Protein backbone atom coordinates (compact mmCIF):
# COMPACT_ATOMS: atom_id res chain seq x y z
CA MET A 1 8.93 -3.35 -12.70
CA ARG A 2 7.66 -5.25 -15.65
CA TYR A 3 3.67 -5.34 -15.52
CA ASN A 4 0.72 -6.31 -17.56
CA MET A 5 -1.59 -3.20 -18.59
CA LYS A 6 -4.52 -5.50 -18.79
CA GLU A 7 -4.09 -7.06 -15.37
CA LEU A 8 -3.27 -3.87 -13.74
CA LEU A 9 -6.55 -2.42 -15.29
CA CYS A 10 -8.46 -5.63 -14.16
CA LEU A 11 -7.08 -5.26 -10.76
CA SER A 12 -8.04 -1.45 -10.62
CA LYS A 13 -11.68 -2.48 -11.05
CA GLN A 14 -11.50 -4.85 -8.11
CA PRO A 15 -13.32 -3.89 -4.65
CA ALA A 16 -10.98 -1.59 -3.05
CA GLU A 17 -9.88 -1.72 0.68
CA LYS A 18 -10.21 1.93 0.95
CA ALA A 19 -11.29 4.51 -1.50
CA ALA A 20 -11.92 8.31 -1.30
CA GLU A 21 -11.81 11.41 -3.15
CA LEU A 22 -8.42 13.03 -2.00
CA THR A 23 -6.15 16.20 -3.19
CA MET A 24 -2.98 14.91 -4.62
CA ARG A 25 -0.01 16.33 -5.66
CA GLY A 26 2.57 14.40 -7.97
CA PRO A 27 6.45 14.13 -7.60
CA LYS A 28 7.25 16.88 -10.12
CA ARG A 29 7.97 20.45 -9.19
CA SER A 30 5.41 21.55 -11.78
CA ASP A 31 2.63 19.15 -10.62
CA VAL A 32 -0.24 20.98 -8.94
CA ALA A 33 -2.49 19.48 -6.52
CA LYS A 34 -5.62 17.90 -8.19
CA CYS A 35 -8.65 16.32 -6.69
CA ARG A 36 -8.59 12.66 -7.67
CA LEU A 37 -10.44 9.49 -6.72
CA VAL A 38 -7.64 7.33 -4.75
CA LYS A 39 -8.35 3.71 -4.32
CA LEU A 40 -6.37 1.03 -2.43
CA VAL A 41 -6.59 -2.42 -3.91
CA VAL A 42 -4.04 -4.90 -2.42
CA ASN A 43 -0.57 -3.08 -2.56
CA PHE A 44 -1.45 -0.79 -5.53
CA LEU A 45 -2.82 2.88 -4.88
CA PHE A 46 -4.79 3.83 -7.89
CA TYR A 47 -5.52 7.29 -8.72
CA PHE A 48 -8.22 8.17 -11.11
CA ARG A 49 -9.71 11.49 -12.56
CA ILE A 50 -13.25 11.94 -10.85
CA ASP A 51 -15.97 10.45 -12.93
CA GLU A 52 -13.54 8.29 -15.08
CA GLU A 53 -13.41 4.62 -14.94
CA GLU A 54 -9.74 4.04 -16.20
CA PRO A 55 -6.85 4.97 -13.65
CA VAL A 56 -4.47 8.01 -14.39
CA GLY A 57 -1.78 6.17 -12.53
CA ALA A 58 -0.90 3.51 -10.07
CA LEU A 59 1.75 3.11 -7.31
CA LEU A 60 3.12 0.00 -6.02
CA LEU A 61 3.16 0.47 -2.33
CA GLU A 62 6.45 -1.67 -1.88
CA GLN A 63 9.77 0.10 -0.96
CA CYS A 64 8.07 3.44 0.30
CA LYS A 65 7.41 5.13 3.43
CA ILE A 66 4.06 6.77 4.46
CA GLN A 67 4.65 10.09 6.64
CA LYS A 68 2.39 12.15 8.35
CA GLU A 69 2.76 15.66 7.01
CA ASP A 70 0.33 17.63 9.15
CA ASP A 71 -3.22 17.32 10.47
CA ILE A 72 -4.91 16.21 7.42
CA GLY A 73 -1.87 15.46 5.10
CA PHE A 74 0.36 12.48 4.53
CA SER A 75 3.07 11.66 1.77
CA LEU A 76 4.17 8.71 0.12
CA VAL A 77 8.06 8.49 -0.49
CA PHE A 78 10.00 5.82 -2.38
CA VAL A 79 13.01 4.64 -0.47
CA ASP A 80 15.24 4.34 -3.70
CA GLU A 81 13.86 7.62 -5.06
CA PRO A 82 13.42 9.91 -2.20
CA GLU A 83 12.77 12.83 -4.47
CA ARG A 84 9.68 11.06 -6.10
CA LYS A 85 7.21 12.22 -3.46
CA TYR A 86 3.55 12.29 -3.72
CA SER A 87 1.43 14.27 -1.40
CA PHE A 88 -2.27 13.56 -0.37
CA THR A 89 -4.75 15.76 1.60
CA CYS A 90 -7.73 14.66 3.45
CA ASP A 91 -10.80 16.09 4.66
CA THR A 92 -10.42 15.17 8.22
CA LYS A 93 -7.67 14.36 10.51
CA GLU A 94 -9.52 10.82 11.34
CA GLU A 95 -9.52 10.09 7.47
CA CYS A 96 -5.80 10.95 7.15
CA GLU A 97 -4.89 8.48 10.33
CA GLU A 98 -6.99 5.73 8.45
CA TRP A 99 -5.22 6.18 5.01
CA ILE A 100 -1.99 6.20 6.85
CA GLU A 101 -2.71 2.82 8.71
CA ALA A 102 -4.29 1.35 5.41
CA LEU A 103 -1.20 2.32 3.23
CA THR A 104 1.22 1.07 5.86
CA LYS A 105 -0.46 -2.32 6.09
CA ALA A 106 -0.98 -2.90 2.42
CA SER A 107 2.75 -3.75 1.54
CA TYR A 108 4.00 -7.23 1.01
CA GLU A 109 6.60 -6.70 3.68
CA TYR A 110 4.13 -5.79 6.30
CA MET A 111 2.04 -9.01 5.40
CA ARG A 112 5.26 -11.13 5.44
CA LYS A 113 6.07 -9.80 9.19
CA SER A 114 2.56 -10.20 10.20
CA LEU A 115 2.78 -14.02 8.90
CA ILE A 116 5.92 -14.59 10.71
CA PHE A 117 5.05 -13.04 13.88
CA TYR A 118 1.36 -15.13 14.06
CA ARG A 119 3.40 -18.04 12.77
CA ASN A 120 5.72 -17.87 15.88
CA GLU A 121 2.63 -17.24 18.18
CA ILE A 122 0.84 -20.54 17.19
CA LYS A 123 4.09 -22.60 17.12
CA GLU A 124 4.67 -21.44 20.71
CA ILE A 125 1.10 -22.15 21.66
CA THR A 126 0.62 -25.68 20.12
CA GLY A 127 4.10 -26.68 19.66
CA LYS A 128 3.50 -26.98 15.88
CA ASP A 129 4.47 -25.11 12.88
CA PRO A 130 1.26 -23.92 11.07
CA LEU A 131 2.92 -23.69 7.73
CA GLU A 132 4.32 -27.38 7.75
CA GLN A 133 1.14 -28.97 6.76
CA TYR A 134 1.13 -26.74 3.45
CA GLY A 135 5.04 -27.96 2.66
CA ILE A 136 6.20 -24.49 2.85
CA SER A 137 7.67 -24.12 6.35
CA GLU A 138 11.29 -24.19 5.07
CA GLU A 139 11.10 -21.54 2.41
CA THR A 140 13.15 -18.62 2.92
CA ARG A 141 10.63 -15.97 2.44
CA PHE A 142 8.79 -17.40 5.74
CA GLN A 143 11.81 -17.18 7.58
CA THR A 144 13.08 -14.20 9.67
CA ARG A 145 16.20 -12.26 8.55
CA SER A 146 19.32 -12.67 10.57
């Protein structure tokens, strides 16, 4: 995926939907678990060294699966690269569940499915397509896949 470093850096400084210090382990066998400030902004998961302003890295939360590992741990695995697994450990079971829910809801695909669901609900109640007024009701991205 192509991206602009300045825009990504600017995005990393935006208010987070969720942020916390978590223990994180990267995908390489040689990676060791390290404490990182992890910050969810839109559909990017940024991770920082503690007390640094620029992120060490960013993960685009598309085409990935969030898996619960144990009571306080979860992992992020990319569909096209199952060997690329990032592991995270939280302080509590509740925090772990909150992270899993937030990360699951952060993807474009989840938001798209939610839009389609609520669009159909509104259409059923009112008899009108709520996207029609914006001239986008026929766009492919807003249609359910056959």
